[in-house]
């Protein structure tokens, strides 16, 4: 994976220093690839929260490009307690009746969603992964406080499109738990047979 680190370094370093230049499509994809790689590696710190399958890890190793079941946001931050901090949360979402019939009922339920939130210097990033077997949730609980870089909205991201607000430690705490809390709250109302679900929420980290 060292080649992916070299690929992303020219675009990652300025953001860590608090510089937010215009970024090409290649730069945005390279940054997204690095964040996905970081999220995949960080999962191994607690194997019970691992959500990304071996097949998907192998696919990522081969294609070295983001897939559409990832959502990635970045934002500006002036952190104190959160400087250098990472929070990873695994979530299992499944039909309880069908899960009951499995032979591994007594085992820990599998994870099929994950979020990873981390702060490096002046950069906060947040990744959200959902298994291809689940609906793709169209949600953005962060409003304009974070910029979604994957899936891409524009071929280029100009400074005018970057978040203007500088976040603090308390905002990072809210980012880390926002999506897991939303999914858990909506759990009984989620139709797992649908290919996608559009969850519309007011984006506000207040």
N, C-alpha and C. Protein backbone atom coordinates (compact mmCIF):
# COMPACT_ATOMS: atom_id res chain seq x y z
N UNK A 1 0.81 -1.22 0.00
CA UNK A 1 0.00 0.00 0.00
C UNK A 1 0.85 1.27 0.00
N UNK A 2 2.16 1.13 0.01
CA UNK A 2 3.02 2.32 0.05
C UNK A 2 2.82 3.20 -1.17
N UNK A 3 2.49 2.56 -2.32
CA UNK A 3 2.27 3.36 -3.54
C UNK A 3 1.04 4.25 -3.38
N UNK A 4 0.03 3.78 -2.64
CA UNK A 4 -1.16 4.61 -2.41
C UNK A 4 -0.82 5.79 -1.52
N UNK A 5 0.06 5.59 -0.56
CA UNK A 5 0.48 6.69 0.30
C UNK A 5 1.24 7.74 -0.51
N UNK A 6 2.11 7.28 -1.40
CA UNK A 6 2.85 8.23 -2.24
C UNK A 6 1.90 8.96 -3.18
N UNK A 7 0.90 8.26 -3.68
CA UNK A 7 -0.08 8.88 -4.58
C UNK A 7 -0.84 10.00 -3.90
N UNK A 8 -1.19 9.82 -2.63
CA UNK A 8 -2.03 10.79 -1.93
C UNK A 8 -1.23 11.89 -1.23
N UNK A 9 0.04 11.66 -0.98
CA UNK A 9 0.83 12.58 -0.16
C UNK A 9 0.78 14.04 -0.65
N UNK A 10 0.91 14.32 -1.95
CA UNK A 10 0.90 15.73 -2.39
C UNK A 10 -0.41 16.46 -2.11
N UNK A 11 -1.50 15.70 -2.00
CA UNK A 11 -2.82 16.31 -1.79
C UNK A 11 -3.20 16.30 -0.32
N UNK A 12 -2.70 15.33 0.42
CA UNK A 12 -3.03 15.18 1.83
C UNK A 12 -2.26 16.18 2.69
N UNK A 13 -0.99 16.36 2.39
CA UNK A 13 -0.13 17.20 3.23
C UNK A 13 -0.65 18.63 3.38
N UNK A 14 -1.06 19.32 2.30
CA UNK A 14 -1.58 20.69 2.48
C UNK A 14 -2.81 20.76 3.38
N UNK A 15 -3.70 19.77 3.27
CA UNK A 15 -4.91 19.78 4.09
C UNK A 15 -4.57 19.62 5.57
N UNK A 16 -3.61 18.78 5.87
CA UNK A 16 -3.18 18.60 7.26
C UNK A 16 -2.63 19.91 7.83
N UNK A 17 -2.01 20.71 6.97
CA UNK A 17 -1.45 21.99 7.39
C UNK A 17 -2.48 23.11 7.39
N UNK A 18 -3.70 22.81 6.97
CA UNK A 18 -4.75 23.83 6.96
C UNK A 18 -4.87 24.59 5.67
N UNK A 19 -4.22 24.10 4.61
CA UNK A 19 -4.30 24.75 3.29
C UNK A 19 -5.28 23.96 2.43
N UNK A 20 -6.21 24.67 1.82
CA UNK A 20 -7.27 24.02 1.05
C UNK A 20 -7.27 24.53 -0.39
N UNK A 21 -6.38 24.02 -1.22
CA UNK A 21 -6.29 24.49 -2.61
C UNK A 21 -7.34 23.85 -3.50
N UNK A 22 -7.41 24.32 -4.74
CA UNK A 22 -8.27 23.64 -5.71
C UNK A 22 -7.70 22.24 -5.97
N UNK A 23 -8.59 21.27 -6.09
CA UNK A 23 -8.16 19.89 -6.29
C UNK A 23 -8.83 19.30 -7.52
N UNK A 24 -8.03 18.63 -8.34
CA UNK A 24 -8.53 17.97 -9.54
C UNK A 24 -9.27 16.68 -9.18
N UNK A 25 -9.92 16.09 -10.17
CA UNK A 25 -10.60 14.81 -9.95
C UNK A 25 -9.60 13.75 -9.47
N UNK A 26 -8.40 13.73 -10.04
CA UNK A 26 -7.38 12.77 -9.62
C UNK A 26 -6.98 13.00 -8.16
N UNK A 27 -6.85 14.25 -7.78
CA UNK A 27 -6.47 14.57 -6.39
C UNK A 27 -7.55 14.10 -5.42
N UNK A 28 -8.81 14.36 -5.76
CA UNK A 28 -9.92 13.97 -4.89
C UNK A 28 -10.00 12.45 -4.77
N UNK A 29 -9.87 11.76 -5.88
CA UNK A 29 -9.90 10.29 -5.85
C UNK A 29 -8.73 9.73 -5.05
N UNK A 30 -7.57 10.35 -5.20
CA UNK A 30 -6.38 9.89 -4.47
C UNK A 30 -6.57 10.06 -2.97
N UNK A 31 -7.17 11.18 -2.59
CA UNK A 31 -7.44 11.43 -1.17
C UNK A 31 -8.46 10.42 -0.64
N UNK A 32 -9.51 10.15 -1.43
CA UNK A 32 -10.52 9.17 -1.02
C UNK A 32 -9.91 7.78 -0.88
N UNK A 33 -9.02 7.42 -1.79
CA UNK A 33 -8.35 6.12 -1.73
C UNK A 33 -7.53 5.99 -0.45
N UNK A 34 -6.83 7.04 -0.08
CA UNK A 34 -6.01 6.99 1.14
C UNK A 34 -6.89 6.83 2.38
N UNK A 35 -8.01 7.55 2.42
CA UNK A 35 -8.91 7.46 3.58
C UNK A 35 -9.51 6.07 3.67
N UNK A 36 -9.88 5.47 2.54
CA UNK A 36 -10.40 4.10 2.55
C UNK A 36 -9.33 3.14 3.05
N UNK A 37 -8.11 3.29 2.55
CA UNK A 37 -7.01 2.43 3.00
C UNK A 37 -6.82 2.56 4.51
N UNK A 38 -6.83 3.78 5.02
CA UNK A 38 -6.66 4.00 6.45
C UNK A 38 -7.78 3.29 7.22
N UNK A 39 -9.02 3.43 6.75
CA UNK A 39 -10.17 2.83 7.43
C UNK A 39 -10.07 1.31 7.44
N UNK A 40 -9.65 0.73 6.33
CA UNK A 40 -9.51 -0.72 6.25
C UNK A 40 -8.45 -1.24 7.22
N UNK A 41 -7.34 -0.55 7.29
CA UNK A 41 -6.26 -0.97 8.18
C UNK A 41 -6.65 -0.78 9.64
N UNK A 42 -7.32 0.32 9.93
CA UNK A 42 -7.67 0.62 11.33
C UNK A 42 -8.64 -0.40 11.91
N UNK A 43 -9.46 -1.01 11.04
CA UNK A 43 -10.41 -2.01 11.52
C UNK A 43 -9.73 -3.15 12.27
N UNK A 44 -8.51 -3.47 11.92
CA UNK A 44 -7.83 -4.61 12.53
C UNK A 44 -7.50 -4.37 14.01
N UNK A 45 -7.64 -3.14 14.47
CA UNK A 45 -7.39 -2.87 15.89
C UNK A 45 -8.44 -3.52 16.78
N UNK A 46 -9.63 -3.74 16.23
CA UNK A 46 -10.69 -4.41 16.98
C UNK A 46 -11.48 -5.26 15.99
N UNK A 47 -11.11 -6.54 15.89
CA UNK A 47 -11.66 -7.40 14.85
C UNK A 47 -13.17 -7.62 14.98
N UNK A 48 -13.72 -7.42 16.18
CA UNK A 48 -15.17 -7.57 16.35
C UNK A 48 -15.94 -6.48 15.63
N UNK A 49 -15.29 -5.38 15.30
CA UNK A 49 -15.98 -4.28 14.61
C UNK A 49 -15.67 -4.27 13.12
N UNK A 50 -14.99 -5.29 12.60
CA UNK A 50 -14.63 -5.32 11.19
C UNK A 50 -15.86 -5.56 10.33
N UNK A 51 -16.06 -4.71 9.33
CA UNK A 51 -17.23 -4.81 8.47
C UNK A 51 -16.87 -5.08 7.01
N UNK A 52 -15.64 -4.81 6.62
CA UNK A 52 -15.24 -4.90 5.21
C UNK A 52 -14.74 -6.32 4.94
N UNK A 53 -15.33 -6.95 3.95
CA UNK A 53 -15.03 -8.35 3.68
C UNK A 53 -13.65 -8.51 3.03
N UNK A 54 -13.13 -9.74 3.09
CA UNK A 54 -11.86 -10.03 2.44
C UNK A 54 -11.94 -9.78 0.95
N UNK A 55 -13.06 -10.16 0.32
CA UNK A 55 -13.21 -9.96 -1.13
C UNK A 55 -13.12 -8.49 -1.50
N UNK A 56 -13.74 -7.64 -0.69
CA UNK A 56 -13.70 -6.22 -1.00
C UNK A 56 -12.31 -5.63 -0.76
N UNK A 57 -11.64 -6.13 0.26
CA UNK A 57 -10.27 -5.68 0.49
C UNK A 57 -9.38 -6.09 -0.69
N UNK A 58 -9.60 -7.30 -1.17
CA UNK A 58 -8.81 -7.78 -2.31
C UNK A 58 -9.12 -6.97 -3.57
N UNK A 59 -10.40 -6.66 -3.77
CA UNK A 59 -10.77 -5.83 -4.92
C UNK A 59 -10.12 -4.47 -4.84
N UNK A 60 -10.14 -3.87 -3.66
CA UNK A 60 -9.52 -2.55 -3.48
C UNK A 60 -8.02 -2.63 -3.76
N UNK A 61 -7.38 -3.69 -3.31
CA UNK A 61 -5.95 -3.85 -3.55
C UNK A 61 -5.66 -3.91 -5.05
N UNK A 62 -6.58 -4.52 -5.81
CA UNK A 62 -6.35 -4.68 -7.24
C UNK A 62 -6.70 -3.42 -8.04
N UNK A 63 -7.85 -2.81 -7.76
CA UNK A 63 -8.29 -1.68 -8.59
C UNK A 63 -7.77 -0.34 -8.07
N UNK A 64 -7.49 -0.25 -6.75
CA UNK A 64 -6.94 0.96 -6.13
C UNK A 64 -7.79 2.19 -6.46
N UNK A 65 -9.08 2.01 -6.32
CA UNK A 65 -10.02 3.09 -6.60
C UNK A 65 -11.22 2.92 -5.67
N UNK A 66 -11.88 4.02 -5.27
CA UNK A 66 -13.05 3.90 -4.39
C UNK A 66 -14.21 3.22 -5.10
N UNK A 67 -15.05 2.54 -4.34
CA UNK A 67 -16.27 1.96 -4.88
C UNK A 67 -17.47 2.75 -4.35
N UNK A 68 -18.64 2.49 -4.94
CA UNK A 68 -19.79 3.35 -4.67
C UNK A 68 -20.49 3.03 -3.34
N UNK A 69 -20.02 2.04 -2.59
CA UNK A 69 -20.63 1.80 -1.28
C UNK A 69 -19.83 2.48 -0.16
N UNK A 70 -19.01 3.46 -0.53
CA UNK A 70 -18.32 4.32 0.43
C UNK A 70 -18.84 5.74 0.32
N UNK A 71 -18.87 6.45 1.46
CA UNK A 71 -19.12 7.88 1.51
C UNK A 71 -17.98 8.48 2.33
N UNK A 72 -17.39 9.56 1.83
CA UNK A 72 -16.24 10.16 2.51
C UNK A 72 -16.42 11.67 2.57
N UNK A 73 -16.20 12.21 3.76
CA UNK A 73 -16.28 13.64 3.99
C UNK A 73 -14.97 14.14 4.61
N UNK A 74 -14.65 15.40 4.35
CA UNK A 74 -13.51 16.03 5.01
C UNK A 74 -13.93 17.42 5.50
N UNK A 75 -13.23 17.91 6.51
CA UNK A 75 -13.55 19.22 7.05
C UNK A 75 -12.35 19.85 7.71
N UNK A 76 -12.47 21.15 7.98
CA UNK A 76 -11.44 21.90 8.69
C UNK A 76 -11.67 21.74 10.19
N UNK A 77 -10.59 21.66 10.95
CA UNK A 77 -10.75 21.55 12.39
C UNK A 77 -9.57 22.18 13.12
N UNK A 78 -9.87 22.77 14.26
CA UNK A 78 -8.84 23.25 15.18
C UNK A 78 -9.04 22.44 16.46
N UNK A 79 -8.36 21.30 16.53
CA UNK A 79 -8.61 20.33 17.59
C UNK A 79 -7.61 20.46 18.73
N UNK A 80 -8.04 20.04 19.89
CA UNK A 80 -7.18 19.92 21.06
C UNK A 80 -7.15 18.43 21.46
N UNK A 81 -8.23 17.96 22.14
CA UNK A 81 -8.29 16.56 22.54
C UNK A 81 -8.36 15.60 21.35
N UNK A 82 -8.90 16.09 20.23
CA UNK A 82 -9.07 15.22 19.08
C UNK A 82 -7.85 15.19 18.16
N UNK A 83 -6.83 15.96 18.43
CA UNK A 83 -5.65 15.96 17.55
C UNK A 83 -5.00 14.57 17.58
N UNK A 84 -4.88 13.94 16.42
CA UNK A 84 -4.30 12.61 16.31
C UNK A 84 -5.21 11.48 16.74
N UNK A 85 -6.49 11.76 16.98
CA UNK A 85 -7.42 10.76 17.49
C UNK A 85 -8.19 10.10 16.35
N UNK A 86 -8.52 8.82 16.52
CA UNK A 86 -9.34 8.08 15.57
C UNK A 86 -10.42 7.32 16.32
N UNK A 87 -11.64 7.35 15.79
CA UNK A 87 -12.75 6.57 16.36
C UNK A 87 -13.35 5.73 15.25
N UNK A 88 -13.38 4.42 15.47
CA UNK A 88 -13.96 3.48 14.51
C UNK A 88 -15.17 2.81 15.15
N UNK A 89 -16.29 2.76 14.42
CA UNK A 89 -17.52 2.15 14.93
C UNK A 89 -18.04 1.16 13.89
N UNK A 90 -18.22 -0.10 14.31
CA UNK A 90 -18.83 -1.10 13.45
C UNK A 90 -20.28 -1.29 13.84
N UNK A 91 -21.14 -1.50 12.85
CA UNK A 91 -22.57 -1.68 13.10
C UNK A 91 -23.06 -2.89 12.31
N UNK A 92 -23.91 -3.70 12.92
CA UNK A 92 -24.53 -4.82 12.22
C UNK A 92 -26.00 -4.53 11.95
N UNK A 93 -26.39 -4.60 10.70
CA UNK A 93 -27.78 -4.34 10.32
C UNK A 93 -28.27 -5.55 9.54
N UNK A 94 -29.26 -6.24 10.05
CA UNK A 94 -29.75 -7.45 9.40
C UNK A 94 -31.18 -7.72 9.86
N UNK A 95 -31.83 -8.60 9.11
CA UNK A 95 -33.18 -9.02 9.45
C UNK A 95 -33.11 -10.02 10.60
N UNK A 96 -33.68 -9.68 11.73
CA UNK A 96 -33.51 -10.51 12.93
C UNK A 96 -34.11 -11.90 12.74
N UNK A 97 -35.27 -11.99 12.05
CA UNK A 97 -35.90 -13.30 11.89
C UNK A 97 -34.99 -14.22 11.08
N UNK A 98 -34.40 -13.69 9.99
CA UNK A 98 -33.53 -14.53 9.20
C UNK A 98 -32.24 -14.83 9.92
N UNK A 99 -31.78 -13.89 10.70
CA UNK A 99 -30.53 -14.11 11.44
C UNK A 99 -30.73 -15.19 12.51
N UNK A 100 -31.93 -15.23 13.09
CA UNK A 100 -32.22 -16.23 14.13
C UNK A 100 -32.06 -17.66 13.60
N UNK A 101 -32.32 -17.84 12.31
CA UNK A 101 -32.27 -19.18 11.75
C UNK A 101 -30.86 -19.65 11.44
N UNK A 102 -29.87 -18.77 11.57
CA UNK A 102 -28.50 -19.13 11.27
C UNK A 102 -27.90 -19.99 12.38
N UNK A 103 -26.99 -20.86 12.00
CA UNK A 103 -26.36 -21.74 12.97
C UNK A 103 -25.45 -20.98 13.92
N UNK A 104 -25.01 -19.79 13.49
CA UNK A 104 -24.08 -19.04 14.32
C UNK A 104 -24.79 -18.02 15.20
N UNK A 105 -26.03 -18.29 15.55
CA UNK A 105 -26.82 -17.35 16.34
C UNK A 105 -26.11 -16.94 17.63
N UNK A 106 -25.42 -17.87 18.26
CA UNK A 106 -24.80 -17.58 19.55
C UNK A 106 -23.50 -16.81 19.41
N UNK A 107 -23.01 -16.65 18.21
CA UNK A 107 -21.80 -15.88 18.00
C UNK A 107 -22.13 -14.39 17.99
N UNK A 108 -21.09 -13.57 18.01
CA UNK A 108 -21.29 -12.13 17.88
C UNK A 108 -21.88 -11.84 16.51
N UNK A 109 -22.89 -10.99 16.41
CA UNK A 109 -23.47 -10.67 15.09
C UNK A 109 -22.44 -10.01 14.20
N UNK A 110 -22.49 -10.28 12.90
CA UNK A 110 -21.50 -9.70 11.99
C UNK A 110 -21.72 -8.21 11.80
N UNK A 111 -20.65 -7.51 11.51
CA UNK A 111 -20.73 -6.09 11.18
C UNK A 111 -20.84 -5.95 9.65
N UNK A 112 -21.72 -5.10 9.19
CA UNK A 112 -21.80 -4.86 7.74
C UNK A 112 -21.84 -3.37 7.41
N UNK A 113 -21.55 -2.55 8.40
CA UNK A 113 -21.41 -1.10 8.19
C UNK A 113 -20.30 -0.62 9.12
N UNK A 114 -19.60 0.44 8.71
CA UNK A 114 -18.58 1.00 9.58
C UNK A 114 -18.44 2.49 9.32
N UNK A 115 -18.01 3.21 10.35
CA UNK A 115 -17.59 4.59 10.18
C UNK A 115 -16.23 4.74 10.86
N UNK A 116 -15.38 5.54 10.25
CA UNK A 116 -14.08 5.87 10.84
C UNK A 116 -13.92 7.38 10.78
N UNK A 117 -13.63 7.97 11.91
CA UNK A 117 -13.45 9.42 12.02
C UNK A 117 -12.06 9.67 12.58
N UNK A 118 -11.31 10.55 11.95
CA UNK A 118 -9.94 10.80 12.41
C UNK A 118 -9.56 12.26 12.17
N UNK A 119 -8.62 12.73 12.98
CA UNK A 119 -8.09 14.09 12.85
C UNK A 119 -6.57 14.01 12.73
N UNK A 120 -6.07 14.62 11.67
CA UNK A 120 -4.63 14.78 11.47
C UNK A 120 -4.36 16.26 11.24
N UNK A 121 -3.69 16.89 12.16
CA UNK A 121 -3.42 18.31 12.03
C UNK A 121 -4.70 19.11 11.94
N UNK A 122 -4.86 19.84 10.85
CA UNK A 122 -6.05 20.68 10.65
C UNK A 122 -7.14 19.98 9.83
N UNK A 123 -6.94 18.71 9.56
CA UNK A 123 -7.87 17.94 8.72
C UNK A 123 -8.67 16.94 9.55
N UNK A 124 -9.98 16.96 9.39
CA UNK A 124 -10.86 15.91 9.91
C UNK A 124 -11.41 15.15 8.72
N UNK A 125 -11.39 13.82 8.79
CA UNK A 125 -12.06 13.05 7.74
C UNK A 125 -12.96 12.00 8.36
N UNK A 126 -13.99 11.65 7.62
CA UNK A 126 -15.00 10.71 8.10
C UNK A 126 -15.36 9.79 6.94
N UNK A 127 -15.18 8.48 7.15
CA UNK A 127 -15.56 7.51 6.12
C UNK A 127 -16.75 6.69 6.61
N UNK A 128 -17.61 6.35 5.68
CA UNK A 128 -18.78 5.52 5.96
C UNK A 128 -18.84 4.43 4.90
N UNK A 129 -18.86 3.20 5.34
CA UNK A 129 -18.92 2.04 4.44
C UNK A 129 -20.18 1.25 4.73
N UNK A 130 -20.84 0.76 3.68
CA UNK A 130 -21.98 -0.12 3.84
C UNK A 130 -21.78 -1.30 2.91
N UNK A 131 -22.05 -2.51 3.42
CA UNK A 131 -21.88 -3.72 2.63
C UNK A 131 -22.74 -3.67 1.36
N UNK A 132 -22.25 -4.23 0.24
CA UNK A 132 -23.06 -4.26 -0.99
C UNK A 132 -24.37 -5.01 -0.82
N UNK A 133 -24.50 -5.84 0.23
CA UNK A 133 -25.73 -6.59 0.46
C UNK A 133 -26.83 -5.74 1.08
N UNK A 134 -26.49 -4.53 1.53
CA UNK A 134 -27.46 -3.65 2.17
C UNK A 134 -27.85 -2.52 1.23
N UNK A 135 -28.97 -1.83 1.51
CA UNK A 135 -29.33 -0.65 0.72
C UNK A 135 -28.24 0.41 0.82
N UNK A 136 -28.08 1.16 -0.25
CA UNK A 136 -27.16 2.30 -0.21
C UNK A 136 -27.93 3.50 0.33
N UNK A 137 -27.54 3.94 1.49
CA UNK A 137 -28.26 5.02 2.13
C UNK A 137 -27.76 6.36 1.60
N UNK A 138 -28.69 7.16 1.11
CA UNK A 138 -28.34 8.50 0.62
C UNK A 138 -28.57 9.48 1.77
N UNK A 139 -27.53 9.74 2.51
CA UNK A 139 -27.69 10.62 3.66
C UNK A 139 -26.46 11.48 3.82
N UNK A 140 -26.69 12.68 4.33
CA UNK A 140 -25.60 13.60 4.62
C UNK A 140 -26.01 14.42 5.84
N UNK A 141 -25.68 13.94 7.03
CA UNK A 141 -26.10 14.66 8.24
C UNK A 141 -25.19 15.82 8.61
N UNK A 142 -24.25 16.17 7.74
CA UNK A 142 -23.25 17.17 8.12
C UNK A 142 -23.43 18.52 7.43
N UNK A 143 -24.42 18.62 6.56
CA UNK A 143 -24.68 19.89 5.90
C UNK A 143 -23.45 20.43 5.20
N UNK A 144 -23.20 21.72 5.39
CA UNK A 144 -22.04 22.35 4.77
C UNK A 144 -20.81 22.38 5.68
N UNK A 145 -20.92 21.72 6.84
CA UNK A 145 -19.79 21.72 7.77
C UNK A 145 -18.67 20.79 7.32
N UNK A 146 -19.03 19.77 6.53
CA UNK A 146 -18.05 18.89 5.92
C UNK A 146 -18.29 18.85 4.42
N UNK A 147 -17.23 18.62 3.65
CA UNK A 147 -17.36 18.48 2.19
C UNK A 147 -17.32 17.01 1.83
N UNK A 148 -18.32 16.55 1.09
CA UNK A 148 -18.31 15.16 0.62
C UNK A 148 -17.40 15.08 -0.60
N UNK A 149 -16.37 14.24 -0.50
CA UNK A 149 -15.45 14.08 -1.64
C UNK A 149 -15.68 12.77 -2.37
N UNK A 150 -16.42 11.85 -1.76
CA UNK A 150 -16.78 10.63 -2.47
C UNK A 150 -18.15 10.16 -2.01
N UNK A 151 -19.06 9.83 -2.98
CA UNK A 151 -18.89 9.97 -4.42
C UNK A 151 -18.71 11.45 -4.82
N UNK A 152 -17.96 11.69 -5.89
CA UNK A 152 -17.67 13.08 -6.26
C UNK A 152 -18.90 13.79 -6.78
N UNK A 153 -19.00 15.05 -6.43
CA UNK A 153 -20.11 15.87 -6.94
C UNK A 153 -19.67 16.71 -8.13
N UNK A 154 -18.39 17.06 -8.16
CA UNK A 154 -17.84 17.87 -9.25
C UNK A 154 -16.51 17.27 -9.67
N UNK A 155 -16.13 17.52 -10.92
CA UNK A 155 -14.84 17.04 -11.41
C UNK A 155 -13.70 17.69 -10.65
N UNK A 156 -13.91 18.96 -10.25
CA UNK A 156 -12.89 19.66 -9.49
C UNK A 156 -13.53 20.27 -8.25
N UNK A 157 -12.75 20.38 -7.21
CA UNK A 157 -13.20 21.07 -6.01
C UNK A 157 -12.37 22.33 -5.84
N UNK A 158 -13.05 23.45 -5.90
CA UNK A 158 -12.37 24.74 -5.76
C UNK A 158 -12.48 25.22 -4.32
N UNK A 159 -11.63 26.17 -3.92
CA UNK A 159 -11.70 26.68 -2.54
C UNK A 159 -13.08 27.15 -2.13
N UNK A 160 -13.86 27.67 -3.09
CA UNK A 160 -15.20 28.14 -2.75
C UNK A 160 -16.12 26.99 -2.33
N UNK A 161 -15.75 25.75 -2.68
CA UNK A 161 -16.57 24.61 -2.32
C UNK A 161 -16.16 23.93 -1.04
N UNK A 162 -15.06 24.39 -0.43
CA UNK A 162 -14.61 23.79 0.82
C UNK A 162 -15.41 24.34 1.99
N UNK A 163 -15.50 23.60 3.09
CA UNK A 163 -16.21 24.12 4.26
C UNK A 163 -15.54 25.38 4.79
N UNK A 164 -16.33 26.39 5.06
CA UNK A 164 -15.78 27.63 5.60
C UNK A 164 -15.61 27.55 7.11
N UNK A 165 -16.44 26.75 7.74
CA UNK A 165 -16.44 26.67 9.20
C UNK A 165 -15.27 25.83 9.72
N UNK A 166 -14.64 26.30 10.77
CA UNK A 166 -13.59 25.54 11.43
C UNK A 166 -14.21 24.83 12.64
N UNK A 167 -14.14 23.53 12.63
CA UNK A 167 -14.77 22.74 13.67
C UNK A 167 -13.88 22.64 14.91
N UNK A 168 -14.50 22.21 16.02
CA UNK A 168 -13.80 22.04 17.29
C UNK A 168 -13.96 20.59 17.76
N UNK A 169 -13.40 20.30 18.92
CA UNK A 169 -13.46 18.94 19.45
C UNK A 169 -14.89 18.43 19.59
N UNK A 170 -15.79 19.29 20.06
CA UNK A 170 -17.17 18.83 20.28
C UNK A 170 -17.86 18.46 18.97
N UNK A 171 -17.46 19.14 17.88
CA UNK A 171 -18.05 18.80 16.58
C UNK A 171 -17.53 17.44 16.10
N UNK A 172 -16.25 17.18 16.33
CA UNK A 172 -15.69 15.88 15.94
C UNK A 172 -16.41 14.75 16.68
N UNK A 173 -16.74 14.95 17.93
CA UNK A 173 -17.48 13.94 18.69
C UNK A 173 -18.82 13.65 18.03
N UNK A 174 -19.50 14.70 17.58
CA UNK A 174 -20.82 14.52 16.95
C UNK A 174 -20.69 13.85 15.59
N UNK A 175 -19.66 14.20 14.83
CA UNK A 175 -19.43 13.56 13.53
C UNK A 175 -19.25 12.06 13.71
N UNK A 176 -18.45 11.67 14.70
CA UNK A 176 -18.09 10.26 14.89
C UNK A 176 -19.30 9.37 15.13
N UNK A 177 -20.34 9.88 15.79
CA UNK A 177 -21.49 9.04 16.15
C UNK A 177 -22.74 9.34 15.34
N UNK A 178 -22.69 10.33 14.46
CA UNK A 178 -23.90 10.78 13.78
C UNK A 178 -24.56 9.67 12.97
N UNK A 179 -23.85 9.06 12.05
CA UNK A 179 -24.45 8.05 11.18
C UNK A 179 -24.82 6.78 11.94
N UNK A 180 -23.95 6.22 12.79
CA UNK A 180 -24.39 5.05 13.57
C UNK A 180 -25.66 5.32 14.38
N UNK A 181 -25.78 6.50 14.97
CA UNK A 181 -26.97 6.82 15.75
C UNK A 181 -28.21 6.90 14.86
N UNK A 182 -28.05 7.46 13.66
CA UNK A 182 -29.18 7.56 12.72
C UNK A 182 -29.65 6.17 12.31
N UNK A 183 -28.71 5.32 11.93
CA UNK A 183 -29.06 3.98 11.47
C UNK A 183 -29.71 3.16 12.59
N UNK A 184 -29.19 3.27 13.79
CA UNK A 184 -29.77 2.52 14.91
C UNK A 184 -31.19 3.01 15.21
N UNK A 185 -31.39 4.32 15.13
CA UNK A 185 -32.72 4.86 15.41
C UNK A 185 -33.74 4.44 14.35
N UNK A 186 -33.30 4.33 13.09
CA UNK A 186 -34.20 3.99 12.00
C UNK A 186 -34.29 2.49 11.76
N UNK A 187 -33.49 1.71 12.48
CA UNK A 187 -33.37 0.28 12.22
C UNK A 187 -34.68 -0.43 11.91
N UNK A 188 -35.70 -0.33 12.77
CA UNK A 188 -36.95 -1.07 12.51
C UNK A 188 -37.67 -0.63 11.24
N UNK A 189 -37.38 0.57 10.74
CA UNK A 189 -38.08 1.08 9.56
C UNK A 189 -37.30 0.91 8.28
N UNK A 190 -36.12 0.29 8.34
CA UNK A 190 -35.29 0.13 7.15
C UNK A 190 -35.70 -1.15 6.42
N UNK A 191 -36.02 -1.00 5.13
CA UNK A 191 -36.40 -2.13 4.29
C UNK A 191 -35.14 -2.67 3.62
N UNK A 192 -34.63 -3.80 4.10
CA UNK A 192 -33.38 -4.34 3.58
C UNK A 192 -33.52 -4.92 2.18
N UNK A 193 -34.74 -5.02 1.66
CA UNK A 193 -34.93 -5.54 0.30
C UNK A 193 -34.78 -4.46 -0.76
N UNK A 194 -34.72 -3.20 -0.34
CA UNK A 194 -34.62 -2.11 -1.31
C UNK A 194 -33.17 -1.88 -1.69
N UNK A 195 -32.91 -1.49 -2.97
CA UNK A 195 -31.53 -1.24 -3.38
C UNK A 195 -30.94 0.03 -2.80
N UNK A 196 -31.80 0.99 -2.46
CA UNK A 196 -31.30 2.24 -1.88
C UNK A 196 -32.39 2.89 -1.06
N UNK A 197 -31.97 3.75 -0.14
CA UNK A 197 -32.91 4.50 0.69
C UNK A 197 -32.40 5.93 0.80
N UNK A 198 -33.28 6.87 0.58
CA UNK A 198 -32.93 8.28 0.68
C UNK A 198 -33.38 8.79 2.04
N UNK A 199 -32.43 9.00 2.94
CA UNK A 199 -32.75 9.48 4.29
C UNK A 199 -32.44 10.97 4.33
N UNK A 200 -33.46 11.78 4.38
CA UNK A 200 -33.28 13.23 4.34
C UNK A 200 -33.28 13.79 5.76
N UNK A 201 -32.21 14.45 6.09
CA UNK A 201 -32.03 14.98 7.44
C UNK A 201 -31.47 16.38 7.36
N UNK A 202 -31.81 17.23 8.31
CA UNK A 202 -31.19 18.55 8.34
C UNK A 202 -29.74 18.42 8.75
N UNK A 203 -28.83 18.94 7.94
CA UNK A 203 -27.42 18.85 8.27
C UNK A 203 -27.03 19.97 9.20
N UNK A 204 -26.64 19.64 10.41
CA UNK A 204 -26.31 20.68 11.38
C UNK A 204 -25.52 20.07 12.51
N UNK A 205 -24.27 20.45 12.64
CA UNK A 205 -23.48 20.00 13.77
C UNK A 205 -23.60 20.95 14.95
N UNK A 206 -24.21 22.12 14.71
CA UNK A 206 -24.42 23.15 15.74
C UNK A 206 -23.25 23.22 16.68
